[in-house]
């Protein structure tokens, strides 16, 4: 069981890292477009940003609960 939790742990860490990287690239693209005057629809991107934020929040809570589970198993 502990091995499975460790595997899930690393998976969640990597997905959080990937989502953060995608966020950074997306915001960089938005600022690049704004700086060089490329018009873009601003309502649509924030929908995607909020959904990825929700997913990362859910993954973060899963990660915290897994850490607490690991601590309770070690005691």
Protein backbone atom coordinates (compact mmCIF):
# COMPACT_ATOMS: atom_id res chain seq x y z
CA UNK A 1 0.00 0.00 0.00
CA UNK A 2 2.82 2.40 0.91
CA UNK A 3 4.52 1.76 -2.46
CA UNK A 4 1.28 2.60 -4.30
CA UNK A 5 0.95 5.83 -2.32
CA UNK A 6 4.54 6.79 -3.22
CA UNK A 7 3.83 6.20 -6.93
CA UNK A 8 0.67 8.31 -6.74
CA UNK A 9 2.68 10.92 -4.87
CA UNK A 10 5.24 11.31 -7.67
CA UNK A 11 2.50 11.30 -10.32
CA UNK A 12 0.65 14.11 -8.58
CA UNK A 13 3.86 16.13 -8.14
CA UNK A 14 4.70 15.79 -11.84
CA UNK A 15 1.19 16.75 -12.96
CA UNK A 16 1.22 19.83 -10.71
CA UNK A 17 4.61 20.77 -12.17
CA UNK A 18 3.34 20.26 -15.73
CA UNK A 19 0.21 22.34 -15.10
CA UNK A 20 2.33 25.11 -13.60
CA UNK A 21 4.62 25.06 -16.62
CA UNK A 22 1.64 25.23 -19.00
CA UNK A 23 0.21 28.14 -16.99
CA UNK A 24 3.50 30.01 -17.21
CA UNK A 25 3.76 29.45 -20.97
CA UNK A 26 0.14 30.47 -21.50
CA UNK A 27 0.51 33.70 -19.51
CA UNK A 28 3.76 34.41 -21.36
CA UNK A 29 1.91 33.98 -24.66
CA UNK A 30 -0.86 36.33 -23.50
CA UNK A 31 1.62 39.02 -22.44
CA UNK A 32 3.55 38.58 -25.69
CA UNK A 33 0.33 39.11 -27.67
CA UNK A 34 -0.57 42.14 -25.57
CA UNK A 35 2.87 43.70 -25.99
CA UNK A 36 2.95 43.31 -29.77
CA UNK A 37 -0.65 44.36 -30.32
CA UNK A 38 -2.10 41.07 -31.50
CA UNK A 39 -5.79 41.18 -30.68
CA UNK A 40 -7.20 38.13 -28.96
CA UNK A 41 -10.51 37.19 -27.41
CA UNK A 42 -9.99 37.63 -23.68
CA UNK A 43 -13.10 35.84 -22.44
CA UNK A 44 -12.17 32.42 -23.80
CA UNK A 45 -8.66 32.00 -22.29
CA UNK A 46 -9.75 32.68 -18.72
CA UNK A 47 -12.21 29.79 -18.92
CA UNK A 48 -9.32 27.42 -19.62
CA UNK A 49 -7.18 29.05 -16.96
CA UNK A 50 -9.85 28.67 -14.29
CA UNK A 51 -10.41 24.99 -15.16
CA UNK A 52 -6.68 24.21 -14.98
CA UNK A 53 -6.53 26.13 -11.69
CA UNK A 54 -9.36 23.99 -10.30
CA UNK A 55 -7.63 20.79 -11.44
CA UNK A 56 -4.34 21.85 -9.85
CA UNK A 57 -6.16 22.78 -6.63
CA UNK A 58 -7.80 19.33 -6.50
CA UNK A 59 -4.43 17.66 -7.14
CA UNK A 60 -2.82 19.74 -4.41
CA UNK A 61 -5.45 18.71 -1.86
CA UNK A 62 -4.98 15.07 -2.92
CA UNK A 63 -1.24 15.46 -2.40
CA UNK A 64 -1.70 16.96 1.08
CA UNK A 65 -4.09 14.18 2.14
CA UNK A 66 -1.62 11.59 0.84
CA UNK A 67 1.18 13.15 2.87
CA UNK A 68 -1.00 12.97 5.99
CA UNK A 69 -1.85 9.34 5.17
CA UNK A 70 1.85 8.49 4.84
CA UNK A 71 2.59 10.16 8.18
CA UNK A 72 -0.20 8.23 9.90
CA UNK A 73 1.06 4.93 8.42
CA UNK A 74 4.63 5.52 9.57
CA UNK A 75 3.60 6.07 13.19
